[in-house]
Amino acid sequence: MFYPLRKAEIYRRCKICILPLLTTFALTAPVNAAPITTTTFMGIDFSIEPGSAGIFESVTLPDIVSGGLFGLFMWNGSEFVFKTEHYAGTPYTFDDPGVTTFRVLGLEDSTGVDDTDLSSFDVNFTYTIGDDTNNSYTMSPVYSDAYDVPAPGTLALLAAGLLLVSGASYRTKTT
């Protein structure tokens, strides 16, 4: 036969079940644990080197992935600003009079470009004055902003807390 319990009795029984769990286990993250930081290669910055005769007039991006679509960003003096999406293999002409610095994004792992050797990203330029013999440029890898991934101990602590709360809630509903 089922005997209904009073609220005080339910509270006492739950308290008896939960308190030993809280006092027996010490679920704490190490004090010196550092978050895991990750970065991802995602593009290349192009800049005309000082002493070059001209600036970039147009660019043709390599077709390293069939139908590759890249994002072009222009430097406005303080930050890179999105300009357009552009398909590889077709020339893109910059606004007059040209640019000294721009960014190409959209280089996923599938493109095969190595961030330690950017020469595999074979780009063709035209310049406002001259050609490759009297103009030089730098290519710098662009990485995604670093973000912190919680340490595994933090996730375990969160999971244990959620299980305790849901278990107490379920126990209260069923009794």
N, C-alpha and C. Protein backbone atom coordinates (compact mmCIF):
# COMPACT_ATOMS: atom_id res chain seq x y z
N MET A 1 0.83 -1.17 0.00
CA MET A 1 0.00 0.00 0.00
C MET A 1 0.88 1.24 0.00
N PHE A 2 0.46 2.24 -0.73
CA PHE A 2 1.22 3.48 -0.89
C PHE A 2 0.78 4.50 0.15
N TYR A 3 1.73 5.03 0.89
CA TYR A 3 1.44 6.06 1.88
C TYR A 3 2.04 7.38 1.41
N PRO A 4 1.22 8.39 1.19
CA PRO A 4 1.76 9.68 0.74
C PRO A 4 2.67 10.29 1.82
N LEU A 5 3.76 10.88 1.37
CA LEU A 5 4.71 11.51 2.28
C LEU A 5 4.43 13.00 2.39
N ARG A 6 4.68 13.53 3.55
CA ARG A 6 4.56 14.97 3.73
C ARG A 6 5.78 15.64 3.13
N LYS A 7 5.68 16.95 2.87
CA LYS A 7 6.79 17.71 2.28
C LYS A 7 8.02 17.64 3.17
N ALA A 8 7.84 17.72 4.48
CA ALA A 8 8.98 17.68 5.39
C ALA A 8 9.71 16.34 5.28
N GLU A 9 8.97 15.26 5.13
CA GLU A 9 9.58 13.94 5.00
C GLU A 9 10.34 13.81 3.68
N ILE A 10 9.78 14.34 2.60
CA ILE A 10 10.45 14.32 1.30
C ILE A 10 11.76 15.09 1.39
N TYR A 11 11.70 16.28 1.99
CA TYR A 11 12.90 17.11 2.12
C TYR A 11 13.97 16.38 2.93
N ARG A 12 13.55 15.75 4.02
CA ARG A 12 14.50 15.04 4.87
C ARG A 12 15.16 13.88 4.10
N ARG A 13 14.37 13.13 3.36
CA ARG A 13 14.92 12.00 2.60
C ARG A 13 15.86 12.48 1.49
N CYS A 14 15.49 13.54 0.78
CA CYS A 14 16.37 14.07 -0.28
C CYS A 14 17.65 14.61 0.33
N LYS A 15 17.53 15.28 1.45
CA LYS A 15 18.69 15.84 2.12
C LYS A 15 19.64 14.72 2.54
N ILE A 16 19.11 13.63 3.02
CA ILE A 16 19.93 12.50 3.45
C ILE A 16 20.64 11.89 2.24
N CYS A 17 19.98 11.85 1.08
CA CYS A 17 20.57 11.25 -0.11
C CYS A 17 21.62 12.16 -0.75
N ILE A 18 21.38 13.45 -0.77
CA ILE A 18 22.26 14.37 -1.48
C ILE A 18 23.46 14.79 -0.66
N LEU A 19 23.31 15.02 0.61
CA LEU A 19 24.41 15.51 1.43
C LEU A 19 25.64 14.60 1.41
N PRO A 20 25.50 13.28 1.51
CA PRO A 20 26.70 12.44 1.44
C PRO A 20 27.43 12.58 0.11
N LEU A 21 26.67 12.78 -0.98
CA LEU A 21 27.31 12.95 -2.29
C LEU A 21 28.15 14.22 -2.32
N LEU A 22 27.62 15.29 -1.75
CA LEU A 22 28.34 16.56 -1.77
C LEU A 22 29.57 16.53 -0.88
N THR A 23 29.52 15.81 0.19
CA THR A 23 30.66 15.79 1.11
C THR A 23 31.68 14.73 0.75
N THR A 24 31.28 13.69 0.03
CA THR A 24 32.20 12.61 -0.29
C THR A 24 33.11 12.98 -1.46
N PHE A 25 32.56 13.63 -2.49
CA PHE A 25 33.32 13.93 -3.69
C PHE A 25 33.80 15.37 -3.66
N ALA A 26 35.05 15.58 -3.99
CA ALA A 26 35.60 16.92 -4.12
C ALA A 26 35.85 17.18 -5.59
N LEU A 27 34.87 17.72 -6.28
CA LEU A 27 34.97 17.98 -7.71
C LEU A 27 35.47 19.41 -7.91
N THR A 28 36.76 19.56 -7.99
CA THR A 28 37.33 20.89 -8.19
C THR A 28 38.31 20.84 -9.34
N ALA A 29 38.41 21.95 -10.07
CA ALA A 29 39.38 22.05 -11.15
C ALA A 29 40.72 22.46 -10.56
N PRO A 30 41.82 21.99 -11.13
CA PRO A 30 43.13 22.41 -10.63
C PRO A 30 43.29 23.92 -10.71
N VAL A 31 43.94 24.49 -9.74
CA VAL A 31 44.11 25.94 -9.68
C VAL A 31 44.95 26.45 -10.83
N ASN A 32 45.96 25.69 -11.24
CA ASN A 32 46.87 26.15 -12.28
C ASN A 32 46.45 25.72 -13.68
N ALA A 33 45.24 25.23 -13.85
CA ALA A 33 44.79 24.78 -15.17
C ALA A 33 44.61 25.97 -16.09
N ALA A 34 45.22 25.91 -17.26
CA ALA A 34 45.10 26.97 -18.25
C ALA A 34 44.13 26.52 -19.33
N PRO A 35 43.32 27.45 -19.86
CA PRO A 35 42.43 27.06 -20.95
C PRO A 35 43.23 26.68 -22.19
N ILE A 36 42.65 25.82 -23.00
CA ILE A 36 43.30 25.38 -24.23
C ILE A 36 43.02 26.43 -25.30
N THR A 37 44.07 26.96 -25.92
CA THR A 37 43.91 28.00 -26.94
C THR A 37 44.15 27.37 -28.31
N THR A 38 43.26 27.66 -29.24
CA THR A 38 43.41 27.12 -30.59
C THR A 38 43.37 28.24 -31.62
N THR A 39 44.08 28.04 -32.72
CA THR A 39 44.03 28.98 -33.85
C THR A 39 43.88 28.16 -35.12
N THR A 40 43.31 28.78 -36.12
CA THR A 40 43.09 28.12 -37.40
C THR A 40 43.56 29.02 -38.53
N PHE A 41 44.37 28.49 -39.42
CA PHE A 41 44.81 29.23 -40.61
C PHE A 41 43.61 29.45 -41.50
N MET A 42 43.38 30.69 -41.92
CA MET A 42 42.19 30.97 -42.71
C MET A 42 42.40 31.93 -43.87
N GLY A 43 43.60 32.50 -44.03
CA GLY A 43 43.79 33.42 -45.15
C GLY A 43 45.19 33.98 -45.20
N ILE A 44 45.37 34.95 -46.12
CA ILE A 44 46.68 35.57 -46.35
C ILE A 44 46.51 37.07 -46.50
N ASP A 45 47.41 37.84 -45.85
CA ASP A 45 47.50 39.28 -46.06
C ASP A 45 48.57 39.55 -47.10
N PHE A 46 48.29 40.44 -48.05
CA PHE A 46 49.25 40.85 -49.07
C PHE A 46 49.55 42.33 -48.86
N SER A 47 50.82 42.68 -48.86
CA SER A 47 51.22 44.09 -48.67
C SER A 47 52.37 44.42 -49.61
N ILE A 48 52.28 45.60 -50.23
CA ILE A 48 53.38 46.11 -51.05
C ILE A 48 54.52 46.51 -50.11
N GLU A 49 55.74 46.12 -50.44
CA GLU A 49 56.89 46.48 -49.61
C GLU A 49 57.32 47.91 -49.92
N PRO A 50 57.84 48.60 -48.92
CA PRO A 50 58.35 49.96 -49.15
C PRO A 50 59.42 49.95 -50.24
N GLY A 51 59.44 50.97 -51.07
CA GLY A 51 60.41 51.07 -52.15
C GLY A 51 59.93 50.51 -53.46
N SER A 52 58.73 49.90 -53.47
CA SER A 52 58.18 49.38 -54.73
C SER A 52 57.71 50.55 -55.60
N ALA A 53 57.75 50.33 -56.92
CA ALA A 53 57.38 51.40 -57.86
C ALA A 53 55.88 51.67 -57.89
N GLY A 54 55.07 50.63 -57.71
CA GLY A 54 53.62 50.82 -57.82
C GLY A 54 52.87 50.16 -56.68
N ILE A 55 51.56 50.09 -56.84
CA ILE A 55 50.70 49.40 -55.89
C ILE A 55 49.84 48.40 -56.65
N PHE A 56 49.12 47.54 -55.91
CA PHE A 56 48.31 46.50 -56.56
C PHE A 56 47.17 47.14 -57.35
N GLU A 57 47.06 46.76 -58.64
CA GLU A 57 45.96 47.24 -59.48
C GLU A 57 44.90 46.16 -59.62
N SER A 58 45.33 44.88 -59.78
CA SER A 58 44.39 43.77 -59.87
C SER A 58 45.06 42.51 -59.36
N VAL A 59 44.22 41.52 -59.08
CA VAL A 59 44.72 40.24 -58.58
C VAL A 59 43.90 39.12 -59.21
N THR A 60 44.58 38.02 -59.53
CA THR A 60 43.91 36.80 -59.96
C THR A 60 44.31 35.71 -58.98
N LEU A 61 43.31 35.19 -58.27
CA LEU A 61 43.56 34.17 -57.25
C LEU A 61 43.63 32.80 -57.89
N PRO A 62 44.47 31.91 -57.38
CA PRO A 62 44.62 30.58 -57.99
C PRO A 62 43.38 29.71 -57.77
N ASP A 63 43.10 28.89 -58.77
CA ASP A 63 41.96 27.97 -58.68
C ASP A 63 42.44 26.67 -58.06
N ILE A 64 42.73 26.71 -56.75
CA ILE A 64 43.27 25.53 -56.07
C ILE A 64 42.18 24.57 -55.63
N VAL A 65 40.95 25.05 -55.58
CA VAL A 65 39.80 24.22 -55.29
C VAL A 65 38.79 24.53 -56.38
N SER A 66 38.21 23.53 -56.97
CA SER A 66 37.29 23.73 -58.08
C SER A 66 36.20 24.74 -57.70
N GLY A 67 36.14 25.84 -58.45
CA GLY A 67 35.13 26.87 -58.21
C GLY A 67 35.34 27.61 -56.92
N GLY A 68 36.60 27.74 -56.46
CA GLY A 68 36.91 28.36 -55.18
C GLY A 68 36.37 29.77 -55.05
N LEU A 69 35.73 30.04 -53.94
CA LEU A 69 35.20 31.36 -53.64
C LEU A 69 35.97 31.92 -52.45
N PHE A 70 36.51 33.12 -52.62
CA PHE A 70 37.31 33.74 -51.58
C PHE A 70 36.68 35.07 -51.16
N GLY A 71 36.94 35.47 -49.95
CA GLY A 71 36.52 36.79 -49.47
C GLY A 71 37.68 37.75 -49.59
N LEU A 72 37.44 38.93 -50.19
CA LEU A 72 38.47 39.96 -50.31
C LEU A 72 38.16 41.08 -49.32
N PHE A 73 39.18 41.45 -48.54
CA PHE A 73 39.06 42.51 -47.54
C PHE A 73 40.11 43.56 -47.83
N MET A 74 39.72 44.83 -47.77
CA MET A 74 40.64 45.93 -48.02
C MET A 74 41.02 46.62 -46.71
N TRP A 75 42.27 47.08 -46.64
CA TRP A 75 42.77 47.79 -45.47
C TRP A 75 42.35 49.25 -45.59
N ASN A 76 41.67 49.77 -44.56
CA ASN A 76 41.22 51.17 -44.61
C ASN A 76 42.08 52.10 -43.76
N GLY A 77 43.22 51.61 -43.30
CA GLY A 77 44.10 52.42 -42.47
C GLY A 77 44.10 52.00 -41.02
N SER A 78 43.02 51.34 -40.58
CA SER A 78 42.97 50.89 -39.19
C SER A 78 42.49 49.45 -39.05
N GLU A 79 41.75 48.94 -40.05
CA GLU A 79 41.26 47.56 -40.00
C GLU A 79 40.94 47.06 -41.40
N PHE A 80 40.78 45.74 -41.52
CA PHE A 80 40.36 45.16 -42.79
C PHE A 80 38.84 45.20 -42.87
N VAL A 81 38.34 45.66 -44.02
CA VAL A 81 36.90 45.80 -44.24
C VAL A 81 36.52 44.91 -45.43
N PHE A 82 35.43 44.14 -45.26
CA PHE A 82 34.98 43.25 -46.34
C PHE A 82 34.62 44.06 -47.58
N LYS A 83 35.14 43.61 -48.74
CA LYS A 83 34.86 44.29 -50.00
C LYS A 83 33.93 43.45 -50.87
N THR A 84 34.30 42.18 -51.10
CA THR A 84 33.49 41.34 -51.98
C THR A 84 33.90 39.88 -51.85
N GLU A 85 33.02 39.01 -52.36
CA GLU A 85 33.39 37.61 -52.56
C GLU A 85 33.80 37.48 -54.01
N HIS A 86 34.87 36.73 -54.26
CA HIS A 86 35.41 36.65 -55.62
C HIS A 86 35.82 35.22 -55.93
N TYR A 87 35.49 34.79 -57.14
CA TYR A 87 35.84 33.43 -57.57
C TYR A 87 37.27 33.38 -58.09
N ALA A 88 37.92 32.27 -57.80
CA ALA A 88 39.29 32.06 -58.25
C ALA A 88 39.33 31.95 -59.76
N GLY A 89 40.50 32.30 -60.32
CA GLY A 89 40.71 32.16 -61.75
C GLY A 89 40.28 33.37 -62.58
N THR A 90 39.56 34.30 -62.00
CA THR A 90 39.15 35.51 -62.73
C THR A 90 39.78 36.73 -62.08
N PRO A 91 40.26 37.68 -62.89
CA PRO A 91 40.92 38.86 -62.32
C PRO A 91 39.93 39.74 -61.55
N TYR A 92 40.40 40.32 -60.47
CA TYR A 92 39.62 41.31 -59.72
C TYR A 92 40.41 42.61 -59.76
N THR A 93 39.78 43.67 -60.25
CA THR A 93 40.42 44.99 -60.33
C THR A 93 40.02 45.81 -59.12
N PHE A 94 41.02 46.29 -58.39
CA PHE A 94 40.77 47.11 -57.21
C PHE A 94 40.28 48.49 -57.62
N ASP A 95 39.59 49.17 -56.71
CA ASP A 95 39.13 50.53 -56.97
C ASP A 95 40.34 51.41 -57.28
N ASP A 96 40.12 52.42 -58.14
CA ASP A 96 41.17 53.35 -58.51
C ASP A 96 41.62 54.15 -57.30
N PRO A 97 42.82 54.31 -56.97
CA PRO A 97 44.04 54.09 -57.76
C PRO A 97 44.71 52.74 -57.50
N GLY A 98 44.09 51.83 -56.76
CA GLY A 98 44.70 50.56 -56.39
C GLY A 98 44.83 50.48 -54.88
N VAL A 99 45.46 49.42 -54.38
CA VAL A 99 45.61 49.24 -52.93
C VAL A 99 47.04 48.82 -52.61
N THR A 100 47.44 49.12 -51.38
CA THR A 100 48.76 48.68 -50.92
C THR A 100 48.68 47.43 -50.07
N THR A 101 47.49 47.18 -49.46
CA THR A 101 47.31 46.03 -48.58
C THR A 101 45.90 45.48 -48.74
N PHE A 102 45.80 44.16 -48.84
CA PHE A 102 44.49 43.51 -48.86
C PHE A 102 44.61 42.13 -48.26
N ARG A 103 43.47 41.54 -47.96
CA ARG A 103 43.41 40.22 -47.30
C ARG A 103 42.52 39.29 -48.12
N VAL A 104 42.95 38.03 -48.22
CA VAL A 104 42.16 36.97 -48.86
C VAL A 104 41.80 35.96 -47.78
N LEU A 105 40.51 35.70 -47.60
CA LEU A 105 40.06 34.68 -46.64
C LEU A 105 39.32 33.58 -47.38
N GLY A 106 39.28 32.40 -46.78
CA GLY A 106 38.58 31.27 -47.38
C GLY A 106 39.51 30.11 -47.67
N LEU A 107 40.64 30.08 -46.98
CA LEU A 107 41.61 29.01 -47.20
C LEU A 107 41.43 27.93 -46.15
N GLU A 108 40.48 27.04 -46.38
CA GLU A 108 40.27 25.92 -45.46
C GLU A 108 41.35 24.87 -45.67
N ASP A 109 41.35 23.88 -44.82
CA ASP A 109 42.33 22.79 -44.93
C ASP A 109 42.27 22.09 -46.29
N SER A 110 41.09 22.04 -46.89
CA SER A 110 40.92 21.32 -48.16
C SER A 110 41.67 22.00 -49.30
N THR A 111 42.09 23.27 -49.14
CA THR A 111 42.80 23.95 -50.22
C THR A 111 44.24 23.49 -50.35
N GLY A 112 44.79 22.89 -49.29
CA GLY A 112 46.16 22.38 -49.35
C GLY A 112 47.22 23.45 -49.21
N VAL A 113 46.86 24.68 -48.86
CA VAL A 113 47.85 25.74 -48.67
C VAL A 113 48.46 25.58 -47.27
N ASP A 114 49.78 25.55 -47.23
CA ASP A 114 50.50 25.40 -45.97
C ASP A 114 50.81 26.78 -45.39
N ASP A 115 50.41 27.03 -44.16
CA ASP A 115 50.62 28.36 -43.57
C ASP A 115 52.09 28.66 -43.29
N THR A 116 52.96 27.66 -43.35
CA THR A 116 54.39 27.90 -43.16
C THR A 116 55.12 28.10 -44.49
N ASP A 117 54.45 27.78 -45.61
CA ASP A 117 55.02 27.98 -46.95
C ASP A 117 53.90 28.47 -47.87
N LEU A 118 53.74 29.77 -47.94
CA LEU A 118 52.62 30.36 -48.70
C LEU A 118 52.86 30.38 -50.20
N SER A 119 54.01 29.90 -50.65
CA SER A 119 54.32 29.92 -52.09
C SER A 119 53.38 29.02 -52.89
N SER A 120 52.70 28.07 -52.24
CA SER A 120 51.76 27.20 -52.96
C SER A 120 50.50 27.97 -53.38
N PHE A 121 50.29 29.15 -52.82
CA PHE A 121 49.16 29.99 -53.20
C PHE A 121 49.66 30.96 -54.26
N ASP A 122 49.67 30.51 -55.51
CA ASP A 122 50.29 31.21 -56.64
C ASP A 122 49.34 32.29 -57.18
N VAL A 123 49.59 33.52 -56.79
CA VAL A 123 48.73 34.65 -57.13
C VAL A 123 49.37 35.45 -58.25
N ASN A 124 48.54 35.96 -59.17
CA ASN A 124 49.02 36.83 -60.25
C ASN A 124 48.52 38.25 -60.00
N PHE A 125 49.44 39.24 -60.13
CA PHE A 125 49.09 40.63 -59.91
C PHE A 125 49.37 41.46 -61.15
N THR A 126 48.66 42.58 -61.25
CA THR A 126 49.10 43.69 -62.09
C THR A 126 49.29 44.86 -61.15
N TYR A 127 50.21 45.74 -61.50
CA TYR A 127 50.55 46.88 -60.66
C TYR A 127 50.22 48.17 -61.40
N THR A 128 50.06 49.25 -60.64
CA THR A 128 49.78 50.54 -61.27
C THR A 128 50.99 51.03 -62.06
N ILE A 129 52.19 50.67 -61.62
CA ILE A 129 53.43 51.02 -62.32
C ILE A 129 54.32 49.78 -62.29
N GLY A 130 54.83 49.40 -63.46
CA GLY A 130 55.82 48.32 -63.52
C GLY A 130 55.21 46.93 -63.40
N ASP A 131 56.07 45.96 -63.08
CA ASP A 131 55.67 44.56 -62.95
C ASP A 131 56.41 43.94 -61.77
N ASP A 132 56.52 42.60 -61.76
CA ASP A 132 57.16 41.90 -60.64
C ASP A 132 58.66 42.25 -60.48
N THR A 133 59.29 42.77 -61.54
CA THR A 133 60.71 43.06 -61.44
C THR A 133 60.99 44.30 -60.59
N ASN A 134 60.11 45.28 -60.59
CA ASN A 134 60.35 46.49 -59.79
C ASN A 134 59.30 46.70 -58.70
N ASN A 135 58.54 45.66 -58.39
CA ASN A 135 57.58 45.70 -57.29
C ASN A 135 57.74 44.43 -56.47
N SER A 136 57.68 44.56 -55.18
CA SER A 136 57.73 43.37 -54.33
C SER A 136 56.66 43.48 -53.26
N TYR A 137 56.24 42.34 -52.78
CA TYR A 137 55.16 42.29 -51.78
C TYR A 137 55.46 41.20 -50.77
N THR A 138 54.77 41.29 -49.63
CA THR A 138 54.88 40.26 -48.60
C THR A 138 53.54 39.53 -48.49
N MET A 139 53.65 38.27 -48.10
CA MET A 139 52.46 37.46 -47.83
C MET A 139 52.56 37.01 -46.37
N SER A 140 51.54 37.29 -45.58
CA SER A 140 51.53 36.91 -44.17
C SER A 140 50.31 36.05 -43.88
N PRO A 141 50.48 34.93 -43.18
CA PRO A 141 49.31 34.09 -42.86
C PRO A 141 48.37 34.79 -41.89
N VAL A 142 47.08 34.53 -42.06
CA VAL A 142 46.05 35.07 -41.18
C VAL A 142 45.44 33.90 -40.43
N TYR A 143 45.33 34.05 -39.13
CA TYR A 143 44.75 33.01 -38.28
C TYR A 143 43.46 33.54 -37.67
N SER A 144 42.56 32.61 -37.36
CA SER A 144 41.33 33.00 -36.68
C SER A 144 41.68 33.52 -35.30
N ASP A 145 40.81 34.35 -34.77
CA ASP A 145 41.01 34.84 -33.41
C ASP A 145 41.06 33.65 -32.48
N ALA A 146 41.99 33.67 -31.57
CA ALA A 146 42.11 32.58 -30.60
C ALA A 146 40.89 32.59 -29.69
N TYR A 147 40.43 31.44 -29.36
CA TYR A 147 39.32 31.34 -28.41
C TYR A 147 39.68 30.27 -27.39
N ASP A 148 39.12 30.44 -26.25
CA ASP A 148 39.43 29.52 -25.16
C ASP A 148 38.45 28.36 -25.14
N VAL A 149 38.98 27.18 -25.02
CA VAL A 149 38.18 25.97 -24.87
C VAL A 149 38.26 25.57 -23.40
N PRO A 150 37.14 25.34 -22.74
CA PRO A 150 37.22 24.97 -21.33
C PRO A 150 38.04 23.69 -21.13
N ALA A 151 38.79 23.66 -20.06
CA ALA A 151 39.58 22.47 -19.73
C ALA A 151 38.63 21.32 -19.42
N PRO A 152 39.04 20.09 -19.67
CA PRO A 152 38.15 18.94 -19.44
C PRO A 152 37.63 18.86 -18.00
N GLY A 153 38.43 19.25 -17.02
CA GLY A 153 37.98 19.23 -15.63
C GLY A 153 36.79 20.15 -15.39
N THR A 154 36.77 21.29 -16.07
CA THR A 154 35.66 22.23 -15.94
C THR A 154 34.37 21.61 -16.48
N LEU A 155 34.50 20.93 -17.63
CA LEU A 155 33.32 20.30 -18.22
C LEU A 155 32.80 19.16 -17.33
N ALA A 156 33.71 18.41 -16.73
CA ALA A 156 33.30 17.33 -15.83
C ALA A 156 32.58 17.87 -14.61
N LEU A 157 33.07 18.97 -14.07
CA LEU A 157 32.44 19.60 -12.92
C LEU A 157 31.05 20.10 -13.28
N LEU A 158 30.91 20.70 -14.44
CA LEU A 158 29.60 21.17 -14.90
C LEU A 158 28.64 20.00 -15.08
N ALA A 159 29.11 18.92 -15.70
CA ALA A 159 28.26 17.75 -15.92
C ALA A 159 27.81 17.13 -14.59
N ALA A 160 28.74 17.04 -13.63
CA ALA A 160 28.39 16.46 -12.33
C ALA A 160 27.34 17.33 -11.62
N GLY A 161 27.49 18.63 -11.70
CA GLY A 161 26.51 19.53 -11.08
C GLY A 161 25.14 19.40 -11.72
N LEU A 162 25.10 19.31 -13.04
CA LEU A 162 23.82 19.16 -13.73
C LEU A 162 23.16 17.83 -13.39
N LEU A 163 23.96 16.77 -13.28
CA LEU A 163 23.39 15.48 -12.90
C LEU A 163 22.81 15.51 -11.49
N LEU A 164 23.50 16.14 -10.57
CA LEU A 164 23.00 16.25 -9.20
C LEU A 164 21.69 17.01 -9.14
N VAL A 165 21.64 18.13 -9.84
CA VAL A 165 20.42 18.95 -9.82
C VAL A 165 19.26 18.21 -10.49
N SER A 166 19.52 17.58 -11.64
CA SER A 166 18.43 16.86 -12.31
C SER A 166 18.01 15.63 -11.52
N GLY A 167 18.96 14.96 -10.87
CA GLY A 167 18.62 13.80 -10.04
C GLY A 167 17.76 14.20 -8.86
N ALA A 168 18.09 15.29 -8.21
CA ALA A 168 17.30 15.77 -7.07
C ALA A 168 15.91 16.18 -7.53
N SER A 169 15.84 16.81 -8.69
CA SER A 169 14.55 17.24 -9.23
C SER A 169 13.69 16.03 -9.58
N TYR A 170 14.29 15.04 -10.23
CA TYR A 170 13.55 13.83 -10.60
C TYR A 170 13.08 13.08 -9.37
N ARG A 171 13.95 12.98 -8.39
CA ARG A 171 13.61 12.25 -7.14
C ARG A 171 12.45 12.93 -6.44
N THR A 172 12.42 14.25 -6.43
CA THR A 172 11.35 14.99 -5.80
C THR A 172 10.03 14.76 -6.52
N LYS A 173 10.07 14.70 -7.86
CA LYS A 173 8.84 14.51 -8.64
C LYS A 173 8.27 13.11 -8.49
N THR A 174 9.14 12.11 -8.36
CA THR A 174 8.63 10.73 -8.31
C THR A 174 8.18 10.30 -6.93
N THR A 175 8.60 10.96 -5.88
CA THR A 175 8.18 10.54 -4.53
C THR A 175 7.01 11.33 -4.04
